[in-house]
Amino acid sequence: MTHHDDAAFGQMGCKLTAANAITPPAGRVIVAITSFNGSNGLTTTSEDTDVWPSLSGTLVPAGVTIYGRWTEADSTEGSHMVYFG
């Protein structure tokens, strides 16, 4: 990849999640999550909790994108687009 900065913005693919857990492909992390219809149940596992917090049952309003570096995301409610980097 010649545009290494693009990887931080989800250029390594994405996946739609609706009430299920998402684990990124090998060698990737989740760098952004967009909520389509709002969620009260987004839980993530941080790559490094000193820099990016893990979330537990977090409210993410519809249309909002959150950024970080997570190794897993689990949606118990609502639909989200999860971007890999």
Protein backbone atom coordinates (compact mmCIF):
# COMPACT_ATOMS: atom_id res chain seq x y z
CA MET A 1 0.00 0.00 0.00
CA THR A 2 1.59 3.26 -1.08
CA HIS A 3 -0.82 5.52 0.81
CA HIS A 4 -0.12 4.33 4.33
CA ASP A 5 -2.00 7.25 5.92
CA ASP A 6 -5.23 6.08 4.28
CA ALA A 7 -5.16 2.92 6.41
CA ALA A 8 -5.98 4.98 9.50
CA PHE A 9 -9.26 6.03 7.89
CA GLY A 10 -10.77 2.63 7.11
CA GLN A 11 -9.32 1.99 3.66
CA MET A 12 -8.75 -1.67 4.61
CA GLY A 13 -12.41 -2.62 4.31
CA CYS A 14 -15.56 -2.52 6.36
CA LYS A 15 -18.41 -4.69 7.59
CA LEU A 16 -22.00 -4.07 8.59
CA THR A 17 -22.95 -5.32 12.04
CA ALA A 18 -26.47 -5.72 13.35
CA ALA A 19 -26.67 -7.30 16.80
CA ASN A 20 -23.55 -9.42 16.46
CA ALA A 21 -19.82 -9.35 17.23
CA ILE A 22 -17.24 -8.24 14.66
CA THR A 23 -13.58 -9.19 14.78
CA PRO A 24 -11.32 -7.57 12.17
CA PRO A 25 -9.31 -9.65 9.70
CA ALA A 26 -5.81 -10.75 10.76
CA GLY A 27 -3.38 -7.85 10.97
CA ARG A 28 -6.17 -5.25 11.12
CA VAL A 29 -8.02 -3.32 13.84
CA ILE A 30 -11.31 -1.45 13.89
CA VAL A 31 -10.57 2.26 13.38
CA ALA A 32 -14.07 3.74 13.11
CA ILE A 33 -17.68 2.79 13.84
CA THR A 34 -20.68 4.61 12.37
CA SER A 35 -24.10 4.15 13.94
CA PHE A 36 -26.99 4.05 11.45
CA ASN A 37 -30.01 4.08 13.73
CA GLY A 38 -28.67 4.72 17.21
CA SER A 39 -27.52 2.19 19.74
CA ASN A 40 -27.59 1.71 23.48
CA GLY A 41 -25.51 -1.45 23.37
CA LEU A 42 -22.16 -0.95 21.65
CA THR A 43 -19.29 -2.73 23.38
CA THR A 44 -15.69 -2.65 22.14
CA THR A 45 -12.33 -4.06 23.18
CA SER A 46 -9.51 -1.52 22.92
CA GLU A 47 -6.15 -2.30 21.36
CA ASP A 48 -4.52 -0.14 24.07
CA THR A 49 -6.69 1.09 26.97
CA ASP A 50 -4.08 3.74 27.89
CA VAL A 51 -4.89 5.52 24.61
CA TRP A 52 -8.37 4.40 23.49
CA PRO A 53 -11.05 3.36 25.95
CA SER A 54 -12.99 0.14 25.69
CA LEU A 55 -16.71 0.81 25.52
CA SER A 56 -19.39 -1.10 27.39
CA GLY A 57 -23.06 -0.70 26.50
CA THR A 58 -22.34 2.77 25.15
CA LEU A 59 -24.97 5.03 23.57
CA VAL A 60 -23.98 6.04 20.05
CA PRO A 61 -26.58 8.35 18.42
CA ALA A 62 -27.68 7.75 14.82
CA GLY A 63 -25.31 9.26 12.25
CA VAL A 64 -22.37 9.55 14.66
CA THR A 65 -18.95 8.07 13.84
CA ILE A 66 -16.53 7.25 16.65
CA TYR A 67 -12.81 6.70 16.11
CA GLY A 68 -10.28 4.57 17.96
CA ARG A 69 -8.40 1.28 17.67
CA TRP A 70 -10.41 -1.73 18.76
CA THR A 71 -9.81 -5.45 18.36
CA GLU A 72 -13.51 -6.33 18.60
CA ALA A 73 -16.89 -4.61 18.48
CA ASP A 74 -20.21 -6.09 19.57
CA SER A 75 -23.55 -4.51 18.88
CA THR A 76 -26.45 -5.73 20.99
CA GLU A 77 -28.80 -3.17 19.46
CA GLY A 78 -28.81 -1.17 16.23
CA SER A 79 -26.84 -1.33 12.99
CA HIS A 80 -23.27 -0.08 12.61
CA MET A 81 -20.68 0.10 9.86
CA VAL A 82 -17.31 -0.99 11.22
CA TYR A 83 -14.19 0.19 9.32
CA PHE A 84 -10.85 -1.64 9.38
CA GLY A 85 -7.37 -0.15 9.28
